[in-house]
Amino acid sequence: MGPALSPETIDLIGYAAATCTTASWIPQVLRTWRSRSVDDLSLGMLAAFSTGVLLWLIFGLALGSRPIVVANAVTLALNLLLVVLRVRFARPGRTTSTHS
């Protein structure tokens, strides 16, 4: 293998990855907030994804990895906000089951 990366370089790569993957949720949150339209958001997907992110957060805490902790804490907050918006803005008469 090539030369080993320094811990600082590894953290920078982690923060860059965290920024890209976490920031990708911001447009969805803003669009949902502005439009009040949640018909295309799957509550089941949001719940499963949030559970996975929570587990990544716990994993990052156990490792003491700041990039993993920061990325997953912010991503979890954004996704939980989408869950709240999904439930709050659901049209009357429309089910908010995990299958939609």
PDB file of N, CA and C in Angstrom:
ATOM      1  N   MET A   1       0.835  -1.183   0.000  1.00  0.00           N
ATOM      2  CA  MET A   1       0.000   0.000   0.000  1.00  0.00           C
ATOM      3  C   MET A   1       0.877   1.242   0.000  1.00  0.00           C
ATOM      4  N   GLY A   2       0.270   2.379  -0.263  1.00  0.00           N
ATOM      5  CA  GLY A   2       0.982   3.650  -0.296  1.00  0.00           C
ATOM      6  C   GLY A   2       1.259   4.150   1.106  1.00  0.00           C
ATOM      7  N   PRO A   3       1.767   5.367   1.189  1.00  0.00           N
ATOM      8  CA  PRO A   3       2.079   5.940   2.502  1.00  0.00           C
ATOM      9  C   PRO A   3       0.802   6.119   3.331  1.00  0.00           C
ATOM     10  N   ALA A   4       0.968   5.940   4.622  1.00  0.00           N
ATOM     11  CA  ALA A   4      -0.163   6.091   5.539  1.00  0.00           C
ATOM     12  C   ALA A   4      -0.559   7.556   5.627  1.00  0.00           C
ATOM     13  N   LEU A   5      -1.849   7.779   5.786  1.00  0.00           N
ATOM     14  CA  LEU A   5      -2.360   9.134   5.956  1.00  0.00           C
ATOM     15  C   LEU A   5      -2.270   9.527   7.421  1.00  0.00           C
ATOM     16  N   SER A   6      -2.007  10.790   7.656  1.00  0.00           N
ATOM     17  CA  SER A   6      -1.941  11.274   9.035  1.00  0.00           C
ATOM     18  C   SER A   6      -3.351  11.302   9.631  1.00  0.00           C
ATOM     19  N   PRO A   7      -3.459  11.240  10.945  1.00  0.00           N
ATOM     20  CA  PRO A   7      -4.775  11.341  11.580  1.00  0.00           C
ATOM     21  C   PRO A   7      -5.507  12.635  11.200  1.00  0.00           C
ATOM     22  N   GLU A   8      -4.768  13.723  11.034  1.00  0.00           N
ATOM     23  CA  GLU A   8      -5.389  14.993  10.645  1.00  0.00           C
ATOM     24  C   GLU A   8      -5.978  14.901   9.242  1.00  0.00           C
ATOM     25  N   THR A   9      -5.250  14.261   8.325  1.00  0.00           N
ATOM     26  CA  THR A   9      -5.744  14.094   6.957  1.00  0.00           C
ATOM     27  C   THR A   9      -6.975  13.197   6.937  1.00  0.00           C
ATOM     28  N   ILE A  10      -6.941  12.139   7.727  1.00  0.00           N
ATOM     29  CA  ILE A  10      -8.091  11.237   7.810  1.00  0.00           C
ATOM     30  C   ILE A  10      -9.309  11.991   8.334  1.00  0.00           C
ATOM     31  N   ASP A  11      -9.132  12.818   9.371  1.00  0.00           N
ATOM     32  CA  ASP A  11     -10.241  13.622   9.893  1.00  0.00           C
ATOM     33  C   ASP A  11     -10.759  14.593   8.840  1.00  0.00           C
ATOM     34  N   LEU A  12      -9.858  15.232   8.092  1.00  0.00           N
ATOM     35  CA  LEU A  12     -10.298  16.157   7.030  1.00  0.00           C
ATOM     36  C   LEU A  12     -11.126  15.435   5.978  1.00  0.00           C
ATOM     37  N   ILE A  13     -10.706  14.247   5.600  1.00  0.00           N
ATOM     38  CA  ILE A  13     -11.487  13.451   4.650  1.00  0.00           C
ATOM     39  C   ILE A  13     -12.849  13.127   5.245  1.00  0.00           C
ATOM     40  N   GLY A  14     -12.871  12.771   6.515  1.00  0.00           N
ATOM     41  CA  GLY A  14     -14.133  12.479   7.195  1.00  0.00           C
ATOM     42  C   GLY A  14     -15.052  13.681   7.241  1.00  0.00           C
ATOM     43  N   TYR A  15     -14.504  14.857   7.555  1.00  0.00           N
ATOM     44  CA  TYR A  15     -15.319  16.070   7.588  1.00  0.00           C
ATOM     45  C   TYR A  15     -15.824  16.446   6.193  1.00  0.00           C
ATOM     46  N   ALA A  16     -15.001  16.261   5.167  1.00  0.00           N
ATOM     47  CA  ALA A  16     -15.434  16.547   3.794  1.00  0.00           C
ATOM     48  C   ALA A  16     -16.580  15.615   3.393  1.00  0.00           C
ATOM     49  N   ALA A  17     -16.441  14.333   3.697  1.00  0.00           N
ATOM     50  CA  ALA A  17     -17.503  13.373   3.413  1.00  0.00           C
ATOM     51  C   ALA A  17     -18.765  13.719   4.195  1.00  0.00           C
ATOM     52  N   ALA A  18     -18.594  14.067   5.464  1.00  0.00           N
ATOM     53  CA  ALA A  18     -19.727  14.428   6.313  1.00  0.00           C
ATOM     54  C   ALA A  18     -20.461  15.644   5.765  1.00  0.00           C
ATOM     55  N   THR A  19     -19.710  16.632   5.326  1.00  0.00           N
ATOM     56  CA  THR A  19     -20.317  17.845   4.773  1.00  0.00           C
ATOM     57  C   THR A  19     -21.141  17.516   3.534  1.00  0.00           C
ATOM     58  N   CYS A  20     -20.590  16.713   2.648  1.00  0.00           N
ATOM     59  CA  CYS A  20     -21.307  16.361   1.410  1.00  0.00           C
ATOM     60  C   CYS A  20     -22.583  15.573   1.699  1.00  0.00           C
ATOM     61  N   THR A  21     -22.476  14.530   2.511  1.00  0.00           N
ATOM     62  CA  THR A  21     -23.655  13.689   2.731  1.00  0.00           C
ATOM     63  C   THR A  21     -24.703  14.364   3.607  1.00  0.00           C
ATOM     64  N   THR A  22     -24.272  15.141   4.571  1.00  0.00           N
ATOM     65  CA  THR A  22     -25.227  15.828   5.441  1.00  0.00           C
ATOM     66  C   THR A  22     -25.897  16.981   4.715  1.00  0.00           C
ATOM     67  N   ALA A  23     -25.123  17.761   3.995  1.00  0.00           N
ATOM     68  CA  ALA A  23     -25.682  18.911   3.270  1.00  0.00           C
ATOM     69  C   ALA A  23     -26.662  18.476   2.189  1.00  0.00           C
ATOM     70  N   SER A  24     -26.553  17.249   1.721  1.00  0.00           N
ATOM     71  CA  SER A  24     -27.471  16.792   0.673  1.00  0.00           C
ATOM     72  C   SER A  24     -28.920  16.755   1.150  1.00  0.00           C
ATOM     73  N   TRP A  25     -29.146  16.734   2.450  1.00  0.00           N
ATOM     74  CA  TRP A  25     -30.512  16.710   2.989  1.00  0.00           C
ATOM     75  C   TRP A  25     -31.120  18.099   3.123  1.00  0.00           C
ATOM     76  N   ILE A  26     -30.309  19.122   3.131  1.00  0.00           N
ATOM     77  CA  ILE A  26     -30.812  20.487   3.333  1.00  0.00           C
ATOM     78  C   ILE A  26     -31.812  20.907   2.256  1.00  0.00           C
ATOM     79  N   PRO A  27     -31.549  20.663   0.963  1.00  0.00           N
ATOM     80  CA  PRO A  27     -32.551  21.051  -0.039  1.00  0.00           C
ATOM     81  C   PRO A  27     -33.908  20.367   0.171  1.00  0.00           C
ATOM     82  N   GLN A  28     -33.894  19.102   0.601  1.00  0.00           N
ATOM     83  CA  GLN A  28     -35.166  18.411   0.834  1.00  0.00           C
ATOM     84  C   GLN A  28     -35.921  19.026   2.007  1.00  0.00           C
ATOM     85  N   VAL A  29     -35.212  19.343   3.079  1.00  0.00           N
ATOM     86  CA  VAL A  29     -35.857  19.964   4.237  1.00  0.00           C
ATOM     87  C   VAL A  29     -36.427  21.323   3.843  1.00  0.00           C
ATOM     88  N   LEU A  30     -35.644  22.143   3.145  1.00  0.00           N
ATOM     89  CA  LEU A  30     -36.121  23.468   2.731  1.00  0.00           C
ATOM     90  C   LEU A  30     -37.311  23.368   1.781  1.00  0.00           C
ATOM     91  N   ARG A  31     -37.236  22.447   0.830  1.00  0.00           N
ATOM     92  CA  ARG A  31     -38.346  22.286  -0.123  1.00  0.00           C
ATOM     93  C   ARG A  31     -39.623  21.861   0.598  1.00  0.00           C
ATOM     94  N   THR A  32     -39.490  20.925   1.507  1.00  0.00           N
ATOM     95  CA  THR A  32     -40.650  20.453   2.255  1.00  0.00           C
ATOM     96  C   THR A  32     -41.216  21.559   3.130  1.00  0.00           C
ATOM     97  N   TRP A  33     -40.353  22.310   3.780  1.00  0.00           N
ATOM     98  CA  TRP A  33     -40.796  23.409   4.646  1.00  0.00           C
ATOM     99  C   TRP A  33     -41.535  24.472   3.841  1.00  0.00           C
ATOM    100  N   ARG A  34     -40.953  24.851   2.718  1.00  0.00           N
ATOM    101  CA  ARG A  34     -41.555  25.925   1.898  1.00  0.00           C
ATOM    102  C   ARG A  34     -42.845  25.492   1.228  1.00  0.00           C
ATOM    103  N   SER A  35     -42.874  24.302   0.674  1.00  0.00           N
ATOM    104  CA  SER A  35     -44.031  23.853  -0.103  1.00  0.00           C
ATOM    105  C   SER A  35     -45.136  23.263   0.766  1.00  0.00           C
ATOM    106  N   ARG A  36     -44.776  22.843   1.962  1.00  0.00           N
ATOM    107  CA  ARG A  36     -45.704  22.147   2.855  1.00  0.00           C
ATOM    108  C   ARG A  36     -46.237  20.869   2.195  1.00  0.00           C
ATOM    109  N   SER A  37     -45.534  20.383   1.194  1.00  0.00           N
ATOM    110  CA  SER A  37     -45.921  19.164   0.482  1.00  0.00           C
ATOM    111  C   SER A  37     -45.043  18.012   0.939  1.00  0.00           C
ATOM    112  N   VAL A  38     -45.694  17.000   1.483  1.00  0.00           N
ATOM    113  CA  VAL A  38     -44.962  15.845   1.991  1.00  0.00           C
ATOM    114  C   VAL A  38     -45.412  14.542   1.335  1.00  0.00           C
ATOM    115  N   ASP A  39     -46.220  14.667   0.293  1.00  0.00           N
ATOM    116  CA  ASP A  39     -46.794  13.481  -0.334  1.00  0.00           C
ATOM    117  C   ASP A  39     -45.733  12.520  -0.865  1.00  0.00           C
ATOM    118  N   ASP A  40     -44.586  13.035  -1.264  1.00  0.00           N
ATOM    119  CA  ASP A  40     -43.548  12.172  -1.832  1.00  0.00           C
ATOM    120  C   ASP A  40     -42.537  11.680  -0.803  1.00  0.00           C
ATOM    121  N   LEU A  41     -42.727  12.028   0.461  1.00  0.00           N
ATOM    122  CA  LEU A  41     -41.814  11.563   1.502  1.00  0.00           C
ATOM    123  C   LEU A  41     -42.361  10.295   2.133  1.00  0.00           C
ATOM    124  N   SER A  42     -41.579   9.240   2.109  1.00  0.00           N
ATOM    125  CA  SER A  42     -41.965   7.981   2.715  1.00  0.00           C
ATOM    126  C   SER A  42     -41.617   8.002   4.192  1.00  0.00           C
ATOM    127  N   LEU A  43     -42.625   7.898   5.019  1.00  0.00           N
ATOM    128  CA  LEU A  43     -42.395   7.874   6.463  1.00  0.00           C
ATOM    129  C   LEU A  43     -41.577   6.644   6.845  1.00  0.00           C
ATOM    130  N   GLY A  44     -41.817   5.540   6.184  1.00  0.00           N
ATOM    131  CA  GLY A  44     -41.053   4.325   6.453  1.00  0.00           C
ATOM    132  C   GLY A  44     -39.577   4.497   6.136  1.00  0.00           C
ATOM    133  N   MET A  45     -39.270   5.121   5.004  1.00  0.00           N
ATOM    134  CA  MET A  45     -37.877   5.356   4.631  1.00  0.00           C
ATOM    135  C   MET A  45     -37.221   6.306   5.615  1.00  0.00           C
ATOM    136  N   LEU A  46     -37.921   7.373   5.977  1.00  0.00           N
ATOM    137  CA  LEU A  46     -37.360   8.336   6.924  1.00  0.00           C
ATOM    138  C   LEU A  46     -37.096   7.681   8.281  1.00  0.00           C
ATOM    139  N   ALA A  47     -38.008   6.828   8.723  1.00  0.00           N
ATOM    140  CA  ALA A  47     -37.830   6.150  10.006  1.00  0.00           C
ATOM    141  C   ALA A  47     -36.643   5.180   9.945  1.00  0.00           C
ATOM    142  N   ALA A  48     -36.551   4.409   8.876  1.00  0.00           N
ATOM    143  CA  ALA A  48     -35.446   3.460   8.736  1.00  0.00           C
ATOM    144  C   ALA A  48     -34.112   4.195   8.621  1.00  0.00           C
ATOM    145  N   PHE A  49     -34.084   5.255   7.829  1.00  0.00           N
ATOM    146  CA  PHE A  49     -32.853   6.010   7.651  1.00  0.00           C
ATOM    147  C   PHE A  49     -32.430   6.661   8.968  1.00  0.00           C
ATOM    148  N   SER A  50     -33.379   7.250   9.684  1.00  0.00           N
ATOM    149  CA  SER A  50     -33.064   7.887  10.968  1.00  0.00           C
ATOM    150  C   SER A  50     -32.537   6.870  11.973  1.00  0.00           C
ATOM    151  N   THR A  51     -33.094   5.667  11.960  1.00  0.00           N
ATOM    152  CA  THR A  51     -32.595   4.617  12.846  1.00  0.00           C
ATOM    153  C   THR A  51     -31.148   4.266  12.498  1.00  0.00           C
ATOM    154  N   GLY A  52     -30.865   4.124  11.205  1.00  0.00           N
ATOM    155  CA  GLY A  52     -29.500   3.844  10.770  1.00  0.00           C
ATOM    156  C   GLY A  52     -28.539   4.948  11.153  1.00  0.00           C
ATOM    157  N   VAL A  53     -28.963   6.198  10.986  1.00  0.00           N
ATOM    158  CA  VAL A  53     -28.109   7.334  11.347  1.00  0.00           C
ATOM    159  C   VAL A  53     -27.872   7.361  12.854  1.00  0.00           C
ATOM    160  N   LEU A  54     -28.895   7.048  13.637  1.00  0.00           N
ATOM    161  CA  LEU A  54     -28.716   6.977  15.086  1.00  0.00           C
ATOM    162  C   LEU A  54     -27.671   5.923  15.449  1.00  0.00           C
ATOM    163  N   LEU A  55     -27.719   4.790  14.780  1.00  0.00           N
ATOM    164  CA  LEU A  55     -26.723   3.745  15.036  1.00  0.00           C
ATOM    165  C   LEU A  55     -25.325   4.200  14.625  1.00  0.00           C
ATOM    166  N   TRP A  56     -25.202   4.922  13.499  1.00  0.00           N
ATOM    167  CA  TRP A  56     -23.909   5.483  13.107  1.00  0.00           C
ATOM    168  C   TRP A  56     -23.415   6.485  14.142  1.00  0.00           C
ATOM    169  N   LEU A  57     -24.335   7.265  14.694  1.00  0.00           N
ATOM    170  CA  LEU A  57     -23.973   8.233  15.731  1.00  0.00           C
ATOM    171  C   LEU A  57     -23.413   7.510  16.955  1.00  0.00           C
ATOM    172  N   ILE A  58     -24.086   6.460  17.380  1.00  0.00           N
ATOM    173  CA  ILE A  58     -23.613   5.672  18.523  1.00  0.00           C
ATOM    174  C   ILE A  58     -22.244   5.057  18.206  1.00  0.00           C
ATOM    175  N   PHE A  59     -22.094   4.552  16.996  1.00  0.00           N
ATOM    176  CA  PHE A  59     -20.816   3.983  16.545  1.00  0.00           C
ATOM    177  C   PHE A  59     -19.713   5.027  16.603  1.00  0.00           C
ATOM    178  N   GLY A  60     -19.994   6.227  16.101  1.00  0.00           N
ATOM    179  CA  GLY A  60     -19.020   7.312  16.123  1.00  0.00           C
ATOM    180  C   GLY A  60     -18.647   7.721  17.535  1.00  0.00           C
ATOM    181  N   LEU A  61     -19.633   7.751  18.425  1.00  0.00           N
ATOM    182  CA  LEU A  61     -19.355   8.070  19.830  1.00  0.00           C
ATOM    183  C   LEU A  61     -18.467   7.001  20.454  1.00  0.00           C
ATOM    184  N   ALA A  62     -18.759   5.736  20.143  1.00  0.00           N
ATOM    185  CA  ALA A  62     -17.963   4.642  20.701  1.00  0.00           C
ATOM    186  C   ALA A  62     -16.519   4.704  20.215  1.00  0.00           C
ATOM    187  N   LEU A  63     -16.323   5.122  18.971  1.00  0.00           N
ATOM    188  CA  LEU A  63     -14.969   5.232  18.419  1.00  0.00           C
ATOM    189  C   LEU A  63     -14.277   6.534  18.815  1.00  0.00           C
ATOM    190  N   GLY A  64     -15.074   7.498  19.253  1.00  0.00           N
ATOM    191  CA  GLY A  64     -14.516   8.818  19.535  1.00  0.00           C
ATOM    192  C   GLY A  64     -14.161   9.560  18.261  1.00  0.00           C
ATOM    193  N   SER A  65     -14.927   9.306  17.192  1.00  0.00           N
ATOM    194  CA  SER A  65     -14.656   9.916  15.890  1.00  0.00           C
ATOM    195  C   SER A  65     -15.543  11.148  15.692  1.00  0.00           C
ATOM    196  N   ARG A  66     -14.948  12.319  15.814  1.00  0.00           N
ATOM    197  CA  ARG A  66     -15.722  13.558  15.664  1.00  0.00           C
ATOM    198  C   ARG A  66     -16.408  13.685  14.307  1.00  0.00           C
ATOM    199  N   PRO A  67     -15.725  13.382  13.183  1.00  0.00           N
ATOM    200  CA  PRO A  67     -16.430  13.517  11.899  1.00  0.00           C
ATOM    201  C   PRO A  67     -17.689  12.649  11.823  1.00  0.00           C
ATOM    202  N   ILE A  68     -17.609  11.423  12.326  1.00  0.00           N
ATOM    203  CA  ILE A  68     -18.782  10.548  12.303  1.00  0.00           C
ATOM    204  C   ILE A  68     -19.864  11.085  13.232  1.00  0.00           C
ATOM    205  N   VAL A  69     -19.484  11.553  14.406  1.00  0.00           N
ATOM    206  CA  VAL A  69     -20.455  12.077  15.368  1.00  0.00           C
ATOM    207  C   VAL A  69     -21.136  13.326  14.828  1.00  0.00           C
ATOM    208  N   VAL A  70     -20.361  14.283  14.351  1.00  0.00           N
ATOM    209  CA  VAL A  70     -20.929  15.540  13.854  1.00  0.00           C
ATOM    210  C   VAL A  70     -21.852  15.284  12.669  1.00  0.00           C
ATOM    211  N   ALA A  71     -21.379  14.520  11.703  1.00  0.00           N
ATOM    212  CA  ALA A  71     -22.184  14.251  10.506  1.00  0.00           C
ATOM    213  C   ALA A  71     -23.497  13.589  10.866  1.00  0.00           C
ATOM    214  N   ASN A  72     -23.439  12.591  11.703  1.00  0.00           N
ATOM    215  CA  ASN A  72     -24.659  11.848  12.004  1.00  0.00           C
ATOM    216  C   ASN A  72     -25.575  12.575  12.964  1.00  0.00           C
ATOM    217  N   ALA A  73     -25.048  13.405  13.842  1.00  0.00           N
ATOM    218  CA  ALA A  73     -25.911  14.213  14.712  1.00  0.00           C
ATOM    219  C   ALA A  73     -26.713  15.215  13.875  1.00  0.00           C
ATOM    220  N   VAL A  74     -26.042  15.890  12.948  1.00  0.00           N
ATOM    221  CA  VAL A  74     -26.734  16.866  12.097  1.00  0.00           C
ATOM    222  C   VAL A  74     -27.706  16.168  11.156  1.00  0.00           C
ATOM    223  N   THR A  75     -27.272  15.071  10.540  1.00  0.00           N
ATOM    224  CA  THR A  75     -28.153  14.332   9.632  1.00  0.00           C
ATOM    225  C   THR A  75     -29.377  13.800  10.369  1.00  0.00           C
ATOM    226  N   LEU A  76     -29.183  13.303  11.581  1.00  0.00           N
ATOM    227  CA  LEU A  76     -30.316  12.815  12.371  1.00  0.00           C
ATOM    228  C   LEU A  76     -31.289  13.950  12.661  1.00  0.00           C
ATOM    229  N   ALA A  77     -30.781  15.115  13.025  1.00  0.00           N
ATOM    230  CA  ALA A  77     -31.653  16.262  13.293  1.00  0.00           C
ATOM    231  C   ALA A  77     -32.447  16.642  12.038  1.00  0.00           C
ATOM    232  N   LEU A  78     -31.793  16.679  10.886  1.00  0.00           N
ATOM    233  CA  LEU A  78     -32.484  17.025   9.637  1.00  0.00           C
ATOM    234  C   LEU A  78     -33.554  16.000   9.296  1.00  0.00           C
ATOM    235  N   ASN A  79     -33.238  14.732   9.467  1.00  0.00           N
ATOM    236  CA  ASN A  79     -34.210  13.695   9.147  1.00  0.00           C
ATOM    237  C   ASN A  79     -35.359  13.643  10.135  1.00  0.00           C
ATOM    238  N   LEU A  80     -35.077  13.885  11.403  1.00  0.00           N
ATOM    239  CA  LEU A  80     -36.176  13.938  12.364  1.00  0.00           C
ATOM    240  C   LEU A  80     -37.084  15.131  12.079  1.00  0.00           C
ATOM    241  N   LEU A  81     -36.492  16.235  11.608  1.00  0.00           N
ATOM    242  CA  LEU A  81     -37.306  17.377  11.185  1.00  0.00           C
ATOM    243  C   LEU A  81     -38.204  16.978  10.015  1.00  0.00           C
ATOM    244  N   LEU A  82     -37.676  16.220   9.063  1.00  0.00           N
ATOM    245  CA  LEU A  82     -38.507  15.751   7.948  1.00  0.00           C
ATOM    246  C   LEU A  82     -39.627  14.836   8.435  1.00  0.00           C
ATOM    247  N   VAL A  83     -39.354  13.995   9.426  1.00  0.00           N
ATOM    248  CA  VAL A  83     -40.401  13.137   9.986  1.00  0.00           C
ATOM    249  C   VAL A  83     -41.496  14.000  10.593  1.00  0.00           C
ATOM    250  N   VAL A  84     -41.103  15.013  11.363  1.00  0.00           N
ATOM    251  CA  VAL A  84     -42.088  15.919  11.975  1.00  0.00           C
ATOM    252  C   VAL A  84     -42.895  16.627  10.892  1.00  0.00           C
ATOM    253  N   LEU A  85     -42.226  17.129   9.857  1.00  0.00           N
ATOM    254  CA  LEU A  85     -42.923  17.801   8.765  1.00  0.00           C
ATOM    255  C   LEU A  85     -43.846  16.833   8.029  1.00  0.00           C
ATOM    256  N   ARG A  86     -43.391  15.600   7.857  1.00  0.00           N
ATOM    257  CA  ARG A  86     -44.199  14.585   7.158  1.00  0.00           C
ATOM    258  C   ARG A  86     -45.493  14.345   7.910  1.00  0.00           C
ATOM    259  N   VAL A  87     -45.419  14.249   9.217  1.00  0.00           N
ATOM    260  CA  VAL A  87     -46.616  14.022  10.029  1.00  0.00           C
ATOM    261  C   VAL A  87     -47.463  15.293  10.100  1.00  0.00           C
ATOM    262  N   ARG A  88     -46.821  16.430  10.308  1.00  0.00           N
ATOM    263  CA  ARG A  88     -47.544  17.695  10.486  1.00  0.00           C
ATOM    264  C   ARG A  88     -48.256  18.152   9.223  1.00  0.00           C
ATOM    265  N   PHE A  89     -47.610  18.014   8.062  1.00  0.00           N
ATOM    266  CA  PHE A  89     -48.183  18.534   6.826  1.00  0.00           C
ATOM    267  C   PHE A  89     -48.938  17.498   6.013  1.00  0.00           C
ATOM    268  N   ALA A  90     -49.141  16.312   6.564  1.00  0.00           N
ATOM    269  CA  ALA A  90     -49.913  15.299   5.844  1.00  0.00           C
ATOM    270  C   ALA A  90     -51.309  15.842   5.596  1.00  0.00           C
ATOM    271  N   ARG A  91     -51.806  15.620   4.391  1.00  0.00           N
ATOM    272  CA  ARG A  91     -53.143  16.111   4.045  1.00  0.00           C
ATOM    273  C   ARG A  91     -54.193  15.365   4.839  1.00  0.00           C
ATOM    274  N   PRO A  92     -55.250  16.078   5.277  1.00  0.00           N
ATOM    275  CA  PRO A  92     -56.325  15.408   6.002  1.00  0.00           C
ATOM    276  C   PRO A  92     -56.915  14.287   5.145  1.00  0.00           C
ATOM    277  N   GLY A  93     -57.173  13.168   5.790  1.00  0.00           N
ATOM    278  CA  GLY A  93     -57.732  12.040   5.073  1.00  0.00           C
ATOM    279  C   GLY A  93     -56.675  11.149   4.458  1.00  0.00           C
ATOM    280  N   ARG A  94     -55.448  11.622   4.412  1.00  0.00           N
ATOM    281  CA  ARG A  94     -54.352  10.808   3.857  1.00  0.00           C
ATOM    282  C   ARG A  94     -53.673  10.114   5.028  1.00  0.00           C
ATOM    283  N   THR A  95     -53.441   8.857   4.896  1.00  0.00           N
ATOM    284  CA  THR A  95     -52.794   8.101   5.961  1.00  0.00           C
ATOM    285  C   THR A  95     -51.319   8.464   6.046  1.00  0.00           C
ATOM    286  N   THR A  96     -50.771   8.406   7.219  1.00  0.00           N
ATOM    287  CA  THR A  96     -49.332   8.644   7.389  1.00  0.00           C
ATOM    288  C   THR A  96     -48.653   7.330   7.757  1.00  0.00           C
ATOM    289  N   SER A  97     -49.167   6.242   7.184  1.00  0.00           N
ATOM    290  CA  SER A  97     -48.589   4.938   7.506  1.00  0.00           C
ATOM    291  C   SER A  97     -47.166   4.848   7.017  1.00  0.00           C
ATOM    292  N   THR A  98     -46.467   3.846   7.473  1.00  0.00           N
ATOM    293  CA  THR A  98     -45.074   3.668   7.073  1.00  0.00           C
ATOM    294  C   THR A  98     -44.982   3.150   5.647  1.00  0.00           C
ATOM    295  N   HIS A  99     -46.096   2.823   5.017  1.00  0.00           N
ATOM    296  CA  HIS A  99     -46.073   2.319   3.649  1.00  0.00           C
ATOM    297  C   HIS A  99     -46.188   3.418   2.628  1.00  0.00           C
ATOM    298  N   SER A 100     -46.434   4.638   3.054  1.00  0.00           N
ATOM    299  CA  SER A 100     -46.620   5.724   2.085  1.00  0.00           C
ATOM    300  C   SER A 100     -45.380   6.548   1.948  1.00  0.00           C
TER     301      SER A 100
END
